[in-house]
Amino acid sequence: MHQDVNQTDVSILSARLQTLHTDVSDIKGTLKDLTSAINKLALVEERITNAAAAQERTFKAIEKLEERIDSLEKAQVIDDNTARWIDRGVVAFVGAAAAYIWERIRSGN
């Protein structure tokens, strides 16, 4: 009888050990999957960080371009005013020259 109890205990222990071995194998497989997922997550995080840095550089470049456009638009206003005054000066000079020539033709000299 004592031998049967020991054999039963060994069988139970063997079954539990086999179950434990299966559980540990499952845990190892799960850990491998988790490791793979964490590695992929780290890669995604790195890409997001790179994209954020690129976006920041783009925003800075856009800001510089906006500043340049503002300065060019201000210069354009000055250029437009200068061109307007030059046009008026040329028209005045041509008008004065035409009046002088007309007066010379009318007076006969």
C-alpha atoms as a PDB file:
ATOM      1  CA  MET A   1       0.000   0.000   0.000  1.00  0.00           C
ATOM      2  CA  HIS A   2       2.797   2.379   0.855  1.00  0.00           C
ATOM      3  CA  GLN A   3       4.322   1.721  -2.557  1.00  0.00           C
ATOM      4  CA  ASP A   4       1.022   2.588  -4.272  1.00  0.00           C
ATOM      5  CA  VAL A   5       0.799   5.890  -2.397  1.00  0.00           C
ATOM      6  CA  ASN A   6       4.337   6.798  -3.414  1.00  0.00           C
ATOM      7  CA  GLN A   7       3.626   5.864  -7.014  1.00  0.00           C
ATOM      8  CA  THR A   8       0.450   7.981  -6.942  1.00  0.00           C
ATOM      9  CA  ASP A   9       2.358  10.890  -5.412  1.00  0.00           C
ATOM     10  CA  VAL A  10       5.050  10.582  -8.075  1.00  0.00           C
ATOM     11  CA  SER A  11       2.412  10.454 -10.805  1.00  0.00           C
ATOM     12  CA  ILE A  12       0.703  13.548  -9.406  1.00  0.00           C
ATOM     13  CA  LEU A  13       4.018  15.319  -9.055  1.00  0.00           C
ATOM     14  CA  SER A  14       4.989  14.314 -12.571  1.00  0.00           C
ATOM     15  CA  ALA A  15       1.683  15.632 -13.945  1.00  0.00           C
ATOM     16  CA  ARG A  16       2.052  18.890 -12.038  1.00  0.00           C
ATOM     17  CA  LEU A  17       5.649  19.224 -13.188  1.00  0.00           C
ATOM     18  CA  GLN A  18       4.553  18.668 -16.787  1.00  0.00           C
ATOM     19  CA  THR A  19       1.819  21.305 -16.360  1.00  0.00           C
ATOM     20  CA  LEU A  20       4.351  23.691 -14.828  1.00  0.00           C
ATOM     21  CA  HIS A  21       6.752  23.004 -17.712  1.00  0.00           C
ATOM     22  CA  THR A  22       3.970  23.781 -20.209  1.00  0.00           C
ATOM     23  CA  ASP A  23       3.099  26.984 -18.334  1.00  0.00           C
ATOM     24  CA  VAL A  24       6.748  28.105 -18.303  1.00  0.00           C
ATOM     25  CA  SER A  25       7.015  27.381 -22.032  1.00  0.00           C
ATOM     26  CA  ASP A  26       3.875  29.468 -22.629  1.00  0.00           C
ATOM     27  CA  ILE A  27       5.334  32.285 -20.523  1.00  0.00           C
ATOM     28  CA  LYS A  28       8.586  32.151 -22.534  1.00  0.00           C
ATOM     29  CA  GLY A  29       6.628  32.396 -25.788  1.00  0.00           C
ATOM     30  CA  THR A  30       4.599  35.284 -24.435  1.00  0.00           C
ATOM     31  CA  LEU A  31       7.768  37.037 -23.286  1.00  0.00           C
ATOM     32  CA  LYS A  32       9.233  36.671 -26.780  1.00  0.00           C
ATOM     33  CA  ASP A  33       6.073  38.236 -28.219  1.00  0.00           C
ATOM     34  CA  LEU A  34       6.227  41.048 -25.662  1.00  0.00           C
ATOM     35  CA  THR A  35       9.889  41.670 -26.462  1.00  0.00           C
ATOM     36  CA  SER A  36       9.081  41.866 -30.144  1.00  0.00           C
ATOM     37  CA  ALA A  37       6.183  44.249 -29.485  1.00  0.00           C
ATOM     38  CA  ILE A  38       8.348  46.469 -27.250  1.00  0.00           C
ATOM     39  CA  ASN A  39      11.051  46.598 -29.929  1.00  0.00           C
ATOM     40  CA  LYS A  40       8.474  47.597 -32.540  1.00  0.00           C
ATOM     41  CA  LEU A  41       7.075  50.214 -30.173  1.00  0.00           C
ATOM     42  CA  ALA A  42      10.565  51.651 -29.635  1.00  0.00           C
ATOM     43  CA  LEU A  43      11.018  51.834 -33.403  1.00  0.00           C
ATOM     44  CA  VAL A  44       7.690  53.629 -33.787  1.00  0.00           C
ATOM     45  CA  GLU A  45       8.646  56.040 -31.001  1.00  0.00           C
ATOM     46  CA  GLU A  46      11.949  56.783 -32.734  1.00  0.00           C
ATOM     47  CA  ARG A  47      10.154  57.472 -36.011  1.00  0.00           C
ATOM     48  CA  ILE A  48       7.671  59.747 -34.254  1.00  0.00           C
ATOM     49  CA  THR A  49      10.559  61.625 -32.635  1.00  0.00           C
ATOM     50  CA  ASN A  50      12.260  62.024 -36.023  1.00  0.00           C
ATOM     51  CA  ALA A  51       9.017  63.192 -37.604  1.00  0.00           C
ATOM     52  CA  ALA A  52       8.470  65.713 -34.802  1.00  0.00           C
ATOM     53  CA  ALA A  53      12.002  67.056 -35.266  1.00  0.00           C
ATOM     54  CA  ALA A  54      11.463  67.345 -39.020  1.00  0.00           C
ATOM     55  CA  GLN A  55       8.175  69.115 -38.417  1.00  0.00           C
ATOM     56  CA  GLU A  56       9.877  71.569 -36.053  1.00  0.00           C
ATOM     57  CA  ARG A  57      12.556  72.296 -38.669  1.00  0.00           C
ATOM     58  CA  THR A  58       9.808  72.850 -41.236  1.00  0.00           C
ATOM     59  CA  PHE A  59       7.978  75.280 -38.958  1.00  0.00           C
ATOM     60  CA  LYS A  60      11.202  77.231 -38.382  1.00  0.00           C
ATOM     61  CA  ALA A  61      11.855  77.391 -42.128  1.00  0.00           C
ATOM     62  CA  ILE A  62       8.286  78.574 -42.738  1.00  0.00           C
ATOM     63  CA  GLU A  63       8.710  81.241 -40.053  1.00  0.00           C
ATOM     64  CA  LYS A  64      11.902  82.497 -41.744  1.00  0.00           C
ATOM     65  CA  LEU A  65      10.122  82.567 -45.109  1.00  0.00           C
ATOM     66  CA  GLU A  66       7.217  84.522 -43.618  1.00  0.00           C
ATOM     67  CA  GLU A  67       9.650  87.072 -42.200  1.00  0.00           C
ATOM     68  CA  ARG A  68      11.346  87.372 -45.570  1.00  0.00           C
ATOM     69  CA  ILE A  69       8.018  87.762 -47.361  1.00  0.00           C
ATOM     70  CA  ASP A  70       7.020  90.502 -44.893  1.00  0.00           C
ATOM     71  CA  SER A  71      10.238  92.406 -45.544  1.00  0.00           C
ATOM     72  CA  LEU A  72       9.851  91.988 -49.320  1.00  0.00           C
ATOM     73  CA  GLU A  73       6.250  93.210 -49.166  1.00  0.00           C
ATOM     74  CA  LYS A  74       7.372  96.291 -47.222  1.00  0.00           C
ATOM     75  CA  ALA A  75      10.124  96.904 -49.773  1.00  0.00           C
ATOM     76  CA  GLN A  76       7.569  96.463 -52.563  1.00  0.00           C
ATOM     77  CA  VAL A  77       5.456  99.295 -51.116  1.00  0.00           C
ATOM     78  CA  ILE A  78       8.516 101.562 -51.092  1.00  0.00           C
ATOM     79  CA  ASP A  79       9.405 100.493 -54.645  1.00  0.00           C
ATOM     80  CA  ASP A  80       5.826 101.173 -55.787  1.00  0.00           C
ATOM     81  CA  ASN A  81       5.920 104.669 -54.255  1.00  0.00           C
ATOM     82  CA  THR A  82       9.312 105.349 -55.834  1.00  0.00           C
ATOM     83  CA  ALA A  83       8.108 104.136 -59.216  1.00  0.00           C
ATOM     84  CA  ARG A  84       5.007 106.318 -58.909  1.00  0.00           C
ATOM     85  CA  TRP A  85       7.122 109.405 -58.177  1.00  0.00           C
ATOM     86  CA  ILE A  86       9.490 108.594 -61.042  1.00  0.00           C
ATOM     87  CA  ASP A  87       6.515 108.192 -63.396  1.00  0.00           C
ATOM     88  CA  ARG A  88       5.116 111.540 -62.256  1.00  0.00           C
ATOM     89  CA  GLY A  89       8.531 113.155 -62.696  1.00  0.00           C
ATOM     90  CA  VAL A  90       8.882 111.764 -66.218  1.00  0.00           C
ATOM     91  CA  VAL A  91       5.359 112.907 -67.121  1.00  0.00           C
ATOM     92  CA  ALA A  92       6.075 116.377 -65.685  1.00  0.00           C
ATOM     93  CA  PHE A  93       9.374 116.589 -67.569  1.00  0.00           C
ATOM     94  CA  VAL A  94       7.790 115.424 -70.842  1.00  0.00           C
ATOM     95  CA  GLY A  95       4.912 117.852 -70.284  1.00  0.00           C
ATOM     96  CA  ALA A  96       7.316 120.720 -69.613  1.00  0.00           C
ATOM     97  CA  ALA A  97       9.411 119.790 -72.646  1.00  0.00           C
ATOM     98  CA  ALA A  98       6.272 119.571 -74.824  1.00  0.00           C
ATOM     99  CA  ALA A  99       5.081 122.942 -73.515  1.00  0.00           C
ATOM    100  CA  TYR A 100       8.493 124.475 -74.193  1.00  0.00           C
ATOM    101  CA  ILE A 101       8.588 123.007 -77.725  1.00  0.00           C
ATOM    102  CA  TRP A 102       5.009 124.103 -78.373  1.00  0.00           C
ATOM    103  CA  GLU A 103       5.802 127.593 -77.184  1.00  0.00           C
ATOM    104  CA  ARG A 104       8.908 127.704 -79.417  1.00  0.00           C
ATOM    105  CA  ILE A 105       6.890 126.498 -82.405  1.00  0.00           C
ATOM    106  CA  ARG A 106       4.130 129.036 -81.753  1.00  0.00           C
ATOM    107  CA  SER A 107       6.528 131.911 -81.386  1.00  0.00           C
ATOM    108  CA  GLY A 108       8.377 130.883 -84.514  1.00  0.00           C
ATOM    109  CA  ASN A 109      11.839 130.455 -83.016  1.00  0.00           C
END
